[in-house]
Amino acid sequence: MVTEPRCGPYFCGIDAAMDVVSGKWKSLILWELEQNGPRRFGVLRRALTGVSEKVLIQQLRELEADGIVHREVYREVPPRVEYSLTPIGYELNAALIPLGVWGTRRMERIGADRVPHMDTDAAA
């Protein structure tokens, strides 16, 4: 079951953009798929330490409904499902780069630690 995309009304472009990436895990899902390419659900869940299965399913469904993530079902036994970024998803990641740079500078200012498995400038 795929949820319907949200369609506003919005106050401005930032409001519309934040509607798509709101939620603790969505930006990390986008980052993981950008860095490592298509991923199966279990691999995504292991990479995103701390996310519950229920929340990951919900956030992936919302990203799929918004056209950011593509869900490919392979007719195999057992069935295999992979998630990947769509062209719009890559475009969104590019738009998030300046925000990531700002966040990295903030982390440095406040002395915040990074999660060890995401210790790379690409996560900026």
PDB file of N, CA and C in Angstrom:
ATOM      1  N   MET A   1       0.843  -1.188   0.000  1.00  0.00           N
ATOM      2  CA  MET A   1       0.000   0.000   0.000  1.00  0.00           C
ATOM      3  C   MET A   1       0.877   1.236   0.000  1.00  0.00           C
ATOM      4  N   VAL A   2       0.711   2.096  -0.996  1.00  0.00           N
ATOM      5  CA  VAL A   2       1.471   3.327  -1.101  1.00  0.00           C
ATOM      6  C   VAL A   2       0.579   4.475  -0.675  1.00  0.00           C
ATOM      7  N   THR A   3       1.115   5.356   0.168  1.00  0.00           N
ATOM      8  CA  THR A   3       0.342   6.504   0.595  1.00  0.00           C
ATOM      9  C   THR A   3       0.287   7.533  -0.523  1.00  0.00           C
ATOM     10  N   GLU A   4      -0.710   8.378  -0.472  1.00  0.00           N
ATOM     11  CA  GLU A   4      -0.865   9.443  -1.464  1.00  0.00           C
ATOM     12  C   GLU A   4       0.143  10.546  -1.168  1.00  0.00           C
ATOM     13  N   PRO A   5       0.677  11.188  -2.211  1.00  0.00           N
ATOM     14  CA  PRO A   5       1.584  12.303  -1.965  1.00  0.00           C
ATOM     15  C   PRO A   5       0.826  13.459  -1.320  1.00  0.00           C
ATOM     16  N   ARG A   6       1.541  14.168  -0.478  1.00  0.00           N
ATOM     17  CA  ARG A   6       0.930  15.341   0.136  1.00  0.00           C
ATOM     18  C   ARG A   6       0.921  16.466  -0.885  1.00  0.00           C
ATOM     19  N   CYS A   7      -0.118  17.271  -0.890  1.00  0.00           N
ATOM     20  CA  CYS A   7      -0.295  18.271  -1.951  1.00  0.00           C
ATOM     21  C   CYS A   7      -0.592  19.663  -1.421  1.00  0.00           C
ATOM     22  N   GLY A   8      -0.110  19.994  -0.231  1.00  0.00           N
ATOM     23  CA  GLY A   8      -0.297  21.355   0.261  1.00  0.00           C
ATOM     24  C   GLY A   8      -1.673  21.552   0.861  1.00  0.00           C
ATOM     25  N   PRO A   9      -2.086  22.782   1.051  1.00  0.00           N
ATOM     26  CA  PRO A   9      -1.439  24.021   0.626  1.00  0.00           C
ATOM     27  C   PRO A   9      -0.183  24.305   1.447  1.00  0.00           C
ATOM     28  N   TYR A  10       0.721  25.073   0.855  1.00  0.00           N
ATOM     29  CA  TYR A  10       1.990  25.419   1.491  1.00  0.00           C
ATOM     30  C   TYR A  10       2.133  26.929   1.574  1.00  0.00           C
ATOM     31  N   PHE A  11       2.891  27.374   2.565  1.00  0.00           N
ATOM     32  CA  PHE A  11       3.172  28.801   2.719  1.00  0.00           C
ATOM     33  C   PHE A  11       4.234  29.265   1.735  1.00  0.00           C
ATOM     34  N   CYS A  12       5.219  28.384   1.461  1.00  0.00           N
ATOM     35  CA  CYS A  12       6.335  28.744   0.589  1.00  0.00           C
ATOM     36  C   CYS A  12       7.056  27.467   0.162  1.00  0.00           C
ATOM     37  N   GLY A  13       8.105  27.622  -0.645  1.00  0.00           N
ATOM     38  CA  GLY A  13       8.871  26.477  -1.121  1.00  0.00           C
ATOM     39  C   GLY A  13       9.539  25.699  -0.004  1.00  0.00           C
ATOM     40  N   ILE A  14      10.020  26.402   1.020  1.00  0.00           N
ATOM     41  CA  ILE A  14      10.649  25.709   2.158  1.00  0.00           C
ATOM     42  C   ILE A  14       9.625  24.807   2.831  1.00  0.00           C
ATOM     43  N   ASP A  15       8.420  25.285   3.003  1.00  0.00           N
ATOM     44  CA  ASP A  15       7.346  24.506   3.609  1.00  0.00           C
ATOM     45  C   ASP A  15       7.090  23.231   2.803  1.00  0.00           C
ATOM     46  N   ALA A  16       7.023  23.367   1.465  1.00  0.00           N
ATOM     47  CA  ALA A  16       6.788  22.209   0.600  1.00  0.00           C
ATOM     48  C   ALA A  16       7.950  21.229   0.657  1.00  0.00           C
ATOM     49  N   ALA A  17       9.180  21.745   0.686  1.00  0.00           N
ATOM     50  CA  ALA A  17      10.359  20.882   0.756  1.00  0.00           C
ATOM     51  C   ALA A  17      10.435  20.162   2.102  1.00  0.00           C
ATOM     52  N   MET A  18      10.188  20.870   3.185  1.00  0.00           N
ATOM     53  CA  MET A  18      10.267  20.252   4.508  1.00  0.00           C
ATOM     54  C   MET A  18       9.173  19.211   4.702  1.00  0.00           C
ATOM     55  N   ASP A  19       8.073  19.364   4.004  1.00  0.00           N
ATOM     56  CA  ASP A  19       7.010  18.365   4.060  1.00  0.00           C
ATOM     57  C   ASP A  19       7.522  17.018   3.557  1.00  0.00           C
ATOM     58  N   VAL A  20       8.409  17.053   2.569  1.00  0.00           N
ATOM     59  CA  VAL A  20       8.944  15.820   1.990  1.00  0.00           C
ATOM     60  C   VAL A  20      10.032  15.215   2.879  1.00  0.00           C
ATOM     61  N   VAL A  21      10.888  16.037   3.474  1.00  0.00           N
ATOM     62  CA  VAL A  21      12.025  15.496   4.232  1.00  0.00           C
ATOM     63  C   VAL A  21      11.798  15.499   5.734  1.00  0.00           C
ATOM     64  N   SER A  22      10.617  15.895   6.187  1.00  0.00           N
ATOM     65  CA  SER A  22      10.370  15.901   7.625  1.00  0.00           C
ATOM     66  C   SER A  22      10.369  14.471   8.156  1.00  0.00           C
ATOM     67  N   GLY A  23      10.781  14.338   9.361  1.00  0.00           N
ATOM     68  CA  GLY A  23      10.928  13.023   9.970  1.00  0.00           C
ATOM     69  C   GLY A  23      12.398  12.750  10.205  1.00  0.00           C
ATOM     70  N   LYS A  24      12.703  12.156  11.315  1.00  0.00           N
ATOM     71  CA  LYS A  24      14.093  11.950  11.719  1.00  0.00           C
ATOM     72  C   LYS A  24      14.900  11.132  10.720  1.00  0.00           C
ATOM     73  N   TRP A  25      14.279  10.183  10.042  1.00  0.00           N
ATOM     74  CA  TRP A  25      15.034   9.209   9.254  1.00  0.00           C
ATOM     75  C   TRP A  25      15.083   9.491   7.760  1.00  0.00           C
ATOM     76  N   LYS A  26      14.219  10.349   7.245  1.00  0.00           N
ATOM     77  CA  LYS A  26      14.155  10.522   5.797  1.00  0.00           C
ATOM     78  C   LYS A  26      15.462  11.024   5.191  1.00  0.00           C
ATOM     79  N   SER A  27      16.052  12.036   5.796  1.00  0.00           N
ATOM     80  CA  SER A  27      17.312  12.552   5.239  1.00  0.00           C
ATOM     81  C   SER A  27      18.404  11.497   5.317  1.00  0.00           C
ATOM     82  N   LEU A  28      18.385  10.659   6.345  1.00  0.00           N
ATOM     83  CA  LEU A  28      19.391   9.599   6.465  1.00  0.00           C
ATOM     84  C   LEU A  28      19.139   8.481   5.451  1.00  0.00           C
ATOM     85  N   ILE A  29      17.884   8.205   5.154  1.00  0.00           N
ATOM     86  CA  ILE A  29      17.552   7.243   4.095  1.00  0.00           C
ATOM     87  C   ILE A  29      18.085   7.766   2.765  1.00  0.00           C
ATOM     88  N   LEU A  30      17.831   9.036   2.484  1.00  0.00           N
ATOM     89  CA  LEU A  30      18.321   9.655   1.246  1.00  0.00           C
ATOM     90  C   LEU A  30      19.837   9.585   1.164  1.00  0.00           C
ATOM     91  N   TRP A  31      20.503   9.891   2.256  1.00  0.00           N
ATOM     92  CA  TRP A  31      21.966   9.869   2.287  1.00  0.00           C
ATOM     93  C   TRP A  31      22.488   8.451   2.035  1.00  0.00           C
ATOM     94  N   GLU A  32      21.904   7.479   2.689  1.00  0.00           N
ATOM     95  CA  GLU A  32      22.330   6.082   2.537  1.00  0.00           C
ATOM     96  C   GLU A  32      22.162   5.610   1.089  1.00  0.00           C
ATOM     97  N   LEU A  33      21.031   5.918   0.483  1.00  0.00           N
ATOM     98  CA  LEU A  33      20.801   5.489  -0.901  1.00  0.00           C
ATOM     99  C   LEU A  33      21.709   6.237  -1.870  1.00  0.00           C
ATOM    100  N   GLU A  34      22.031   7.482  -1.583  1.00  0.00           N
ATOM    101  CA  GLU A  34      22.951   8.254  -2.426  1.00  0.00           C
ATOM    102  C   GLU A  34      24.365   7.671  -2.348  1.00  0.00           C
ATOM    103  N   GLN A  35      24.803   7.349  -1.149  1.00  0.00           N
ATOM    104  CA  GLN A  35      26.166   6.875  -0.939  1.00  0.00           C
ATOM    105  C   GLN A  35      26.389   5.453  -1.428  1.00  0.00           C
ATOM    106  N   ASN A  36      25.388   4.606  -1.270  1.00  0.00           N
ATOM    107  CA  ASN A  36      25.588   3.169  -1.490  1.00  0.00           C
ATOM    108  C   ASN A  36      24.716   2.555  -2.572  1.00  0.00           C
ATOM    109  N   GLY A  37      23.896   3.347  -3.232  1.00  0.00           N
ATOM    110  CA  GLY A  37      23.070   2.819  -4.308  1.00  0.00           C
ATOM    111  C   GLY A  37      21.876   2.036  -3.781  1.00  0.00           C
ATOM    112  N   PRO A  38      21.228   1.278  -4.657  1.00  0.00           N
ATOM    113  CA  PRO A  38      20.032   0.529  -4.264  1.00  0.00           C
ATOM    114  C   PRO A  38      20.299  -0.368  -3.052  1.00  0.00           C
ATOM    115  N   ARG A  39      19.317  -0.414  -2.165  1.00  0.00           N
ATOM    116  CA  ARG A  39      19.450  -1.191  -0.932  1.00  0.00           C
ATOM    117  C   ARG A  39      18.190  -1.984  -0.672  1.00  0.00           C
ATOM    118  N   ARG A  40      18.399  -3.177  -0.146  1.00  0.00           N
ATOM    119  CA  ARG A  40      17.275  -3.971   0.339  1.00  0.00           C
ATOM    120  C   ARG A  40      16.863  -3.426   1.701  1.00  0.00           C
ATOM    121  N   PHE A  41      15.626  -3.728   2.103  1.00  0.00           N
ATOM    122  CA  PHE A  41      15.086  -3.199   3.348  1.00  0.00           C
ATOM    123  C   PHE A  41      15.987  -3.530   4.544  1.00  0.00           C
ATOM    124  N   GLY A  42      16.381  -4.784   4.659  1.00  0.00           N
ATOM    125  CA  GLY A  42      17.190  -5.196   5.805  1.00  0.00           C
ATOM    126  C   GLY A  42      18.527  -4.488   5.870  1.00  0.00           C
ATOM    127  N   VAL A  43      19.133  -4.256   4.714  1.00  0.00           N
ATOM    128  CA  VAL A  43      20.415  -3.552   4.666  1.00  0.00           C
ATOM    129  C   VAL A  43      20.218  -2.105   5.099  1.00  0.00           C
ATOM    130  N   LEU A  44      19.143  -1.480   4.632  1.00  0.00           N
ATOM    131  CA  LEU A  44      18.837  -0.110   5.061  1.00  0.00           C
ATOM    132  C   LEU A  44      18.626  -0.050   6.569  1.00  0.00           C
ATOM    133  N   ARG A  45      17.883  -0.989   7.089  1.00  0.00           N
ATOM    134  CA  ARG A  45      17.588  -0.978   8.527  1.00  0.00           C
ATOM    135  C   ARG A  45      18.859  -1.132   9.352  1.00  0.00           C
ATOM    136  N   ARG A  46      19.758  -2.004   8.923  1.00  0.00           N
ATOM    137  CA  ARG A  46      21.022  -2.175   9.653  1.00  0.00           C
ATOM    138  C   ARG A  46      21.899  -0.928   9.549  1.00  0.00           C
ATOM    139  N   ALA A  47      21.867  -0.263   8.409  1.00  0.00           N
ATOM    140  CA  ALA A  47      22.685   0.932   8.212  1.00  0.00           C
ATOM    141  C   ALA A  47      22.181   2.111   9.040  1.00  0.00           C
ATOM    142  N   LEU A  48      20.887   2.145   9.311  1.00  0.00           N
ATOM    143  CA  LEU A  48      20.285   3.250  10.051  1.00  0.00           C
ATOM    144  C   LEU A  48      20.031   2.808  11.487  1.00  0.00           C
ATOM    145  N   THR A  49      21.088   2.724  12.245  1.00  0.00           N
ATOM    146  CA  THR A  49      21.041   2.236  13.615  1.00  0.00           C
ATOM    147  C   THR A  49      20.009   3.016  14.429  1.00  0.00           C
ATOM    148  N   GLY A  50      19.077   2.281  15.011  1.00  0.00           N
ATOM    149  CA  GLY A  50      18.090   2.888  15.889  1.00  0.00           C
ATOM    150  C   GLY A  50      16.705   3.036  15.284  1.00  0.00           C
ATOM    151  N   VAL A  51      16.565   2.891  13.970  1.00  0.00           N
ATOM    152  CA  VAL A  51      15.250   3.021  13.357  1.00  0.00           C
ATOM    153  C   VAL A  51      14.469   1.726  13.558  1.00  0.00           C
ATOM    154  N   SER A  52      13.195   1.863  13.868  1.00  0.00           N
ATOM    155  CA  SER A  52      12.351   0.673  13.999  1.00  0.00           C
ATOM    156  C   SER A  52      11.859   0.254  12.620  1.00  0.00           C
ATOM    157  N   GLU A  53      11.473  -1.004  12.513  1.00  0.00           N
ATOM    158  CA  GLU A  53      10.951  -1.519  11.252  1.00  0.00           C
ATOM    159  C   GLU A  53       9.709  -0.737  10.824  1.00  0.00           C
ATOM    160  N   LYS A  54       8.825  -0.469  11.769  1.00  0.00           N
ATOM    161  CA  LYS A  54       7.577   0.241  11.477  1.00  0.00           C
ATOM    162  C   LYS A  54       7.854   1.645  10.935  1.00  0.00           C
ATOM    163  N   VAL A  55       8.751   2.364  11.574  1.00  0.00           N
ATOM    164  CA  VAL A  55       9.053   3.733  11.145  1.00  0.00           C
ATOM    165  C   VAL A  55       9.746   3.726   9.789  1.00  0.00           C
ATOM    166  N   LEU A  56      10.678   2.802   9.572  1.00  0.00           N
ATOM    167  CA  LEU A  56      11.366   2.739   8.290  1.00  0.00           C
ATOM    168  C   LEU A  56      10.378   2.443   7.162  1.00  0.00           C
ATOM    169  N   ILE A  57       9.472   1.509   7.373  1.00  0.00           N
ATOM    170  CA  ILE A  57       8.454   1.200   6.369  1.00  0.00           C
ATOM    171  C   ILE A  57       7.625   2.447   6.064  1.00  0.00           C
ATOM    172  N   GLN A  58       7.182   3.131   7.101  1.00  0.00           N
ATOM    173  CA  GLN A  58       6.354   4.325   6.925  1.00  0.00           C
ATOM    174  C   GLN A  58       7.107   5.406   6.152  1.00  0.00           C
ATOM    175  N   GLN A  59       8.354   5.654   6.520  1.00  0.00           N
ATOM    176  CA  GLN A  59       9.113   6.723   5.875  1.00  0.00           C
ATOM    177  C   GLN A  59       9.443   6.363   4.427  1.00  0.00           C
ATOM    178  N   LEU A  60       9.741   5.096   4.156  1.00  0.00           N
ATOM    179  CA  LEU A  60       9.984   4.673   2.780  1.00  0.00           C
ATOM    180  C   LEU A  60       8.715   4.822   1.932  1.00  0.00           C
ATOM    181  N   ARG A  61       7.568   4.478   2.492  1.00  0.00           N
ATOM    182  CA  ARG A  61       6.295   4.624   1.764  1.00  0.00           C
ATOM    183  C   ARG A  61       6.031   6.089   1.425  1.00  0.00           C
ATOM    184  N   GLU A  62       6.290   6.973   2.378  1.00  0.00           N
ATOM    185  CA  GLU A  62       6.074   8.401   2.129  1.00  0.00           C
ATOM    186  C   GLU A  62       7.030   8.919   1.060  1.00  0.00           C
ATOM    187  N   LEU A  63       8.295   8.500   1.129  1.00  0.00           N
ATOM    188  CA  LEU A  63       9.262   8.922   0.116  1.00  0.00           C
ATOM    189  C   LEU A  63       8.886   8.379  -1.259  1.00  0.00           C
ATOM    190  N   GLU A  64       8.363   7.169  -1.280  1.00  0.00           N
ATOM    191  CA  GLU A  64       7.911   6.588  -2.548  1.00  0.00           C
ATOM    192  C   GLU A  64       6.710   7.367  -3.096  1.00  0.00           C
ATOM    193  N   ALA A  65       5.763   7.685  -2.231  1.00  0.00           N
ATOM    194  CA  ALA A  65       4.576   8.436  -2.656  1.00  0.00           C
ATOM    195  C   ALA A  65       4.952   9.816  -3.195  1.00  0.00           C
ATOM    196  N   ASP A  66       6.004  10.400  -2.657  1.00  0.00           N
ATOM    197  CA  ASP A  66       6.455  11.718  -3.097  1.00  0.00           C
ATOM    198  C   ASP A  66       7.365  11.644  -4.317  1.00  0.00           C
ATOM    199  N   GLY A  67       7.615  10.429  -4.829  1.00  0.00           N
ATOM    200  CA  GLY A  67       8.439  10.282  -6.026  1.00  0.00           C
ATOM    201  C   GLY A  67       9.925  10.414  -5.784  1.00  0.00           C
ATOM    202  N   ILE A  68      10.349  10.279  -4.545  1.00  0.00           N
ATOM    203  CA  ILE A  68      11.761  10.444  -4.173  1.00  0.00           C
ATOM    204  C   ILE A  68      12.493   9.110  -4.219  1.00  0.00           C
ATOM    205  N   VAL A  69      11.815   8.050  -3.820  1.00  0.00           N
ATOM    206  CA  VAL A  69      12.394   6.708  -3.744  1.00  0.00           C
ATOM    207  C   VAL A  69      11.590   5.785  -4.648  1.00  0.00           C
ATOM    208  N   HIS A  70      12.301   4.894  -5.326  1.00  0.00           N
ATOM    209  CA  HIS A  70      11.671   3.875  -6.168  1.00  0.00           C
ATOM    210  C   HIS A  70      11.777   2.530  -5.452  1.00  0.00           C
ATOM    211  N   ARG A  71      10.680   1.801  -5.424  1.00  0.00           N
ATOM    212  CA  ARG A  71      10.636   0.461  -4.814  1.00  0.00           C
ATOM    213  C   ARG A  71      10.511  -0.546  -5.938  1.00  0.00           C
ATOM    214  N   GLU A  72      11.524  -1.394  -6.079  1.00  0.00           N
ATOM    215  CA  GLU A  72      11.549  -2.421  -7.129  1.00  0.00           C
ATOM    216  C   GLU A  72      11.329  -3.783  -6.496  1.00  0.00           C
ATOM    217  N   VAL A  73      10.288  -4.485  -6.943  1.00  0.00           N
ATOM    218  CA  VAL A  73       9.993  -5.831  -6.452  1.00  0.00           C
ATOM    219  C   VAL A  73      10.445  -6.824  -7.516  1.00  0.00           C
ATOM    220  N   TYR A  74      11.341  -7.719  -7.125  1.00  0.00           N
ATOM    221  CA  TYR A  74      11.831  -8.756  -8.032  1.00  0.00           C
ATOM    222  C   TYR A  74      11.041 -10.029  -7.763  1.00  0.00           C
ATOM    223  N   ARG A  75      10.502 -10.600  -8.813  1.00  0.00           N
ATOM    224  CA  ARG A  75       9.689 -11.814  -8.702  1.00  0.00           C
ATOM    225  C   ARG A  75      10.607 -13.025  -8.587  1.00  0.00           C
ATOM    226  N   GLU A  76      11.127 -13.206  -7.397  1.00  0.00           N
ATOM    227  CA  GLU A  76      12.017 -14.323  -7.096  1.00  0.00           C
ATOM    228  C   GLU A  76      11.475 -15.060  -5.887  1.00  0.00           C
ATOM    229  N   VAL A  77      12.061 -16.188  -5.603  1.00  0.00           N
ATOM    230  CA  VAL A  77      11.722 -16.929  -4.389  1.00  0.00           C
ATOM    231  C   VAL A  77      12.995 -17.071  -3.575  1.00  0.00           C
ATOM    232  N   PRO A  78      13.052 -16.452  -2.389  1.00  0.00           N
ATOM    233  CA  PRO A  78      12.054 -15.562  -1.799  1.00  0.00           C
ATOM    234  C   PRO A  78      12.039 -14.210  -2.527  1.00  0.00           C
ATOM    235  N   PRO A  79      10.931 -13.471  -2.413  1.00  0.00           N
ATOM    236  CA  PRO A  79      10.833 -12.176  -3.086  1.00  0.00           C
ATOM    237  C   PRO A  79      11.920 -11.222  -2.599  1.00  0.00           C
ATOM    238  N   ARG A  80      12.398 -10.402  -3.510  1.00  0.00           N
ATOM    239  CA  ARG A  80      13.431  -9.420  -3.181  1.00  0.00           C
ATOM    240  C   ARG A  80      12.881  -8.045  -3.536  1.00  0.00           C
ATOM    241  N   VAL A  81      13.081  -7.095  -2.619  1.00  0.00           N
ATOM    242  CA  VAL A  81      12.647  -5.719  -2.835  1.00  0.00           C
ATOM    243  C   VAL A  81      13.851  -4.818  -2.613  1.00  0.00           C
ATOM    244  N   GLU A  82      14.079  -3.908  -3.555  1.00  0.00           N
ATOM    245  CA  GLU A  82      15.172  -2.940  -3.419  1.00  0.00           C
ATOM    246  C   GLU A  82      14.617  -1.531  -3.518  1.00  0.00           C
ATOM    247  N   TYR A  83      15.246  -0.640  -2.762  1.00  0.00           N
ATOM    248  CA  TYR A  83      14.890   0.771  -2.785  1.00  0.00           C
ATOM    249  C   TYR A  83      16.046   1.539  -3.393  1.00  0.00           C
ATOM    250  N   SER A  84      15.701   2.520  -4.241  1.00  0.00           N
ATOM    251  CA  SER A  84      16.720   3.363  -4.865  1.00  0.00           C
ATOM    252  C   SER A  84      16.164   4.769  -5.011  1.00  0.00           C
ATOM    253  N   LEU A  85      17.052   5.710  -5.277  1.00  0.00           N
ATOM    254  CA  LEU A  85      16.628   7.085  -5.501  1.00  0.00           C
ATOM    255  C   LEU A  85      16.125   7.254  -6.924  1.00  0.00           C
ATOM    256  N   THR A  86      15.121   8.067  -7.080  1.00  0.00           N
ATOM    257  CA  THR A  86      14.651   8.476  -8.401  1.00  0.00           C
ATOM    258  C   THR A  86      15.463   9.711  -8.806  1.00  0.00           C
ATOM    259  N   PRO A  87      15.344  10.150 -10.051  1.00  0.00           N
ATOM    260  CA  PRO A  87      16.015  11.402 -10.431  1.00  0.00           C
ATOM    261  C   PRO A  87      15.622  12.573  -9.519  1.00  0.00           C
ATOM    262  N   ILE A  88      14.361  12.619  -9.100  1.00  0.00           N
ATOM    263  CA  ILE A  88      13.931  13.676  -8.171  1.00  0.00           C
ATOM    264  C   ILE A  88      14.617  13.505  -6.818  1.00  0.00           C
ATOM    265  N   GLY A  89      14.846  12.263  -6.403  1.00  0.00           N
ATOM    266  CA  GLY A  89      15.549  11.999  -5.155  1.00  0.00           C
ATOM    267  C   GLY A  89      16.982  12.498  -5.205  1.00  0.00           C
ATOM    268  N   TYR A  90      17.661  12.271  -6.339  1.00  0.00           N
ATOM    269  CA  TYR A  90      19.025  12.794  -6.495  1.00  0.00           C
ATOM    270  C   TYR A  90      19.017  14.316  -6.477  1.00  0.00           C
ATOM    271  N   GLU A  91      18.009  14.909  -7.111  1.00  0.00           N
ATOM    272  CA  GLU A  91      17.878  16.369  -7.120  1.00  0.00           C
ATOM    273  C   GLU A  91      17.672  16.902  -5.701  1.00  0.00           C
ATOM    274  N   LEU A  92      16.840  16.217  -4.921  1.00  0.00           N
ATOM    275  CA  LEU A  92      16.612  16.617  -3.530  1.00  0.00           C
ATOM    276  C   LEU A  92      17.901  16.517  -2.730  1.00  0.00           C
ATOM    277  N   ASN A  93      18.649  15.431  -2.898  1.00  0.00           N
ATOM    278  CA  ASN A  93      19.923  15.302  -2.182  1.00  0.00           C
ATOM    279  C   ASN A  93      20.865  16.445  -2.519  1.00  0.00           C
ATOM    280  N   ALA A  94      20.918  16.830  -3.795  1.00  0.00           N
ATOM    281  CA  ALA A  94      21.776  17.952  -4.194  1.00  0.00           C
ATOM    282  C   ALA A  94      21.335  19.237  -3.494  1.00  0.00           C
ATOM    283  N   ALA A  95      20.027  19.420  -3.351  1.00  0.00           N
ATOM    284  CA  ALA A  95      19.516  20.607  -2.673  1.00  0.00           C
ATOM    285  C   ALA A  95      19.831  20.587  -1.176  1.00  0.00           C
ATOM    286  N   LEU A  96      20.001  19.394  -0.605  1.00  0.00           N
ATOM    287  CA  LEU A  96      20.291  19.274   0.831  1.00  0.00           C
ATOM    288  C   LEU A  96      21.766  19.462   1.164  1.00  0.00           C
ATOM    289  N   ILE A  97      22.645  19.447   0.169  1.00  0.00           N
ATOM    290  CA  ILE A  97      24.086  19.573   0.425  1.00  0.00           C
ATOM    291  C   ILE A  97      24.411  20.837   1.214  1.00  0.00           C
ATOM    292  N   PRO A  98      23.931  22.020   0.819  1.00  0.00           N
ATOM    293  CA  PRO A  98      24.256  23.212   1.621  1.00  0.00           C
ATOM    294  C   PRO A  98      23.755  23.116   3.063  1.00  0.00           C
ATOM    295  N   LEU A  99      22.624  22.499   3.272  1.00  0.00           N
ATOM    296  CA  LEU A  99      22.125  22.303   4.631  1.00  0.00           C
ATOM    297  C   LEU A  99      23.066  21.395   5.411  1.00  0.00           C
ATOM    298  N   GLY A 100      23.572  20.342   4.752  1.00  0.00           N
ATOM    299  CA  GLY A 100      24.522  19.442   5.402  1.00  0.00           C
ATOM    300  C   GLY A 100      25.821  20.141   5.767  1.00  0.00           C
ATOM    301  N   VAL A 101      26.297  21.009   4.891  1.00  0.00           N
ATOM    302  CA  VAL A 101      27.519  21.785   5.179  1.00  0.00           C
ATOM    303  C   VAL A 101      27.281  22.668   6.398  1.00  0.00           C
ATOM    304  N   TRP A 102      26.131  23.335   6.422  1.00  0.00           N
ATOM    305  CA  TRP A 102      25.785  24.162   7.574  1.00  0.00           C
ATOM    306  C   TRP A 102      25.743  23.321   8.855  1.00  0.00           C
ATOM    307  N   GLY A 103      25.136  22.134   8.763  1.00  0.00           N
ATOM    308  CA  GLY A 103      25.043  21.251   9.928  1.00  0.00           C
ATOM    309  C   GLY A 103      26.401  20.785  10.417  1.00  0.00           C
ATOM    310  N   THR A 104      27.320  20.500   9.486  1.00  0.00           N
ATOM    311  CA  THR A 104      28.680  20.090   9.871  1.00  0.00           C
ATOM    312  C   THR A 104      29.375  21.218  10.621  1.00  0.00           C
ATOM    313  N   ARG A 105      29.238  22.436  10.125  1.00  0.00           N
ATOM    314  CA  ARG A 105      29.832  23.597  10.820  1.00  0.00           C
ATOM    315  C   ARG A 105      29.225  23.767  12.197  1.00  0.00           C
ATOM    316  N   ARG A 106      27.928  23.547  12.318  1.00  0.00           N
ATOM    317  CA  ARG A 106      27.274  23.636  13.619  1.00  0.00           C
ATOM    318  C   ARG A 106      27.826  22.583  14.568  1.00  0.00           C
ATOM    319  N   MET A 107      27.988  21.359  14.057  1.00  0.00           N
ATOM    320  CA  MET A 107      28.539  20.290  14.892  1.00  0.00           C
ATOM    321  C   MET A 107      29.915  20.686  15.423  1.00  0.00           C
ATOM    322  N   GLU A 108      30.726  21.291  14.571  1.00  0.00           N
ATOM    323  CA  GLU A 108      32.062  21.728  14.981  1.00  0.00           C
ATOM    324  C   GLU A 108      31.972  22.830  16.031  1.00  0.00           C
ATOM    325  N   ARG A 109      31.041  23.782  15.840  1.00  0.00           N
ATOM    326  CA  ARG A 109      30.880  24.888  16.798  1.00  0.00           C
ATOM    327  C   ARG A 109      30.482  24.391  18.169  1.00  0.00           C
ATOM    328  N   ILE A 110      29.595  23.423  18.213  1.00  0.00           N
ATOM    329  CA  ILE A 110      29.082  22.974  19.512  1.00  0.00           C
ATOM    330  C   ILE A 110      29.823  21.755  20.055  1.00  0.00           C
ATOM    331  N   GLY A 111      30.787  21.239  19.271  1.00  0.00           N
ATOM    332  CA  GLY A 111      31.559  20.084  19.728  1.00  0.00           C
ATOM    333  C   GLY A 111      30.783  18.785  19.724  1.00  0.00           C
ATOM    334  N   ALA A 112      29.832  18.647  18.820  1.00  0.00           N
ATOM    335  CA  ALA A 112      29.017  17.431  18.749  1.00  0.00           C
ATOM    336  C   ALA A 112      29.795  16.310  18.087  1.00  0.00           C
ATOM    337  N   ASP A 113      29.588  15.104  18.564  1.00  0.00           N
ATOM    338  CA  ASP A 113      30.210  13.919  17.978  1.00  0.00           C
ATOM    339  C   ASP A 113      29.412  13.454  16.773  1.00  0.00           C
ATOM    340  N   ARG A 114      30.105  12.723  15.894  1.00  0.00           N
ATOM    341  CA  ARG A 114      29.447  12.080  14.751  1.00  0.00           C
ATOM    342  C   ARG A 114      29.209  10.626  15.073  1.00  0.00           C
ATOM    343  N   VAL A 115      28.191  10.075  14.458  1.00  0.00           N
ATOM    344  CA  VAL A 115      27.958   8.640  14.541  1.00  0.00           C
ATOM    345  C   VAL A 115      29.102   7.986  13.774  1.00  0.00           C
ATOM    346  N   PRO A 116      29.830   7.023  14.366  1.00  0.00           N
ATOM    347  CA  PRO A 116      31.033   6.479  13.728  1.00  0.00           C
ATOM    348  C   PRO A 116      30.852   5.974  12.304  1.00  0.00           C
ATOM    349  N   HIS A 117      29.781   5.240  11.981  1.00  0.00           N
ATOM    350  CA  HIS A 117      29.660   4.682  10.635  1.00  0.00           C
ATOM    351  C   HIS A 117      29.291   5.735   9.595  1.00  0.00           C
ATOM    352  N   MET A 118      28.988   6.953  10.019  1.00  0.00           N
ATOM    353  CA  MET A 118      28.671   8.028   9.075  1.00  0.00           C
ATOM    354  C   MET A 118      29.741   9.098   9.111  1.00  0.00           C
ATOM    355  N   ASP A 119      30.949   8.766   9.545  1.00  0.00           N
ATOM    356  CA  ASP A 119      32.024   9.731   9.697  1.00  0.00           C
ATOM    357  C   ASP A 119      32.695   9.997   8.350  1.00  0.00           C
ATOM    358  N   THR A 120      32.049  10.823   7.549  1.00  0.00           N
ATOM    359  CA  THR A 120      32.554  11.173   6.238  1.00  0.00           C
ATOM    360  C   THR A 120      32.024  12.546   5.845  1.00  0.00           C
ATOM    361  N   ASP A 121      32.754  13.262   5.066  1.00  0.00           N
ATOM    362  CA  ASP A 121      32.293  14.579   4.621  1.00  0.00           C
ATOM    363  C   ASP A 121      31.078  14.477   3.739  1.00  0.00           C
ATOM    364  N   ALA A 122      30.856  13.323   3.108  1.00  0.00           N
ATOM    365  CA  ALA A 122      29.682  13.139   2.248  1.00  0.00           C
ATOM    366  C   ALA A 122      28.400  13.259   3.060  1.00  0.00           C
ATOM    367  N   ALA A 123      28.494  12.968   4.354  1.00  0.00           N
ATOM    368  CA  ALA A 123      27.308  13.078   5.217  1.00  0.00           C
ATOM    369  C   ALA A 123      27.065  14.509   5.629  1.00  0.00           C
ATOM    370  N   ALA A 124      27.955  15.396   5.210  1.00  0.00           N
ATOM    371  CA  ALA A 124      27.813  16.807   5.551  1.00  0.00           C
ATOM    372  C   ALA A 124      26.462  17.250   5.139  1.00  0.00           C
TER     373      ALA A 124
END
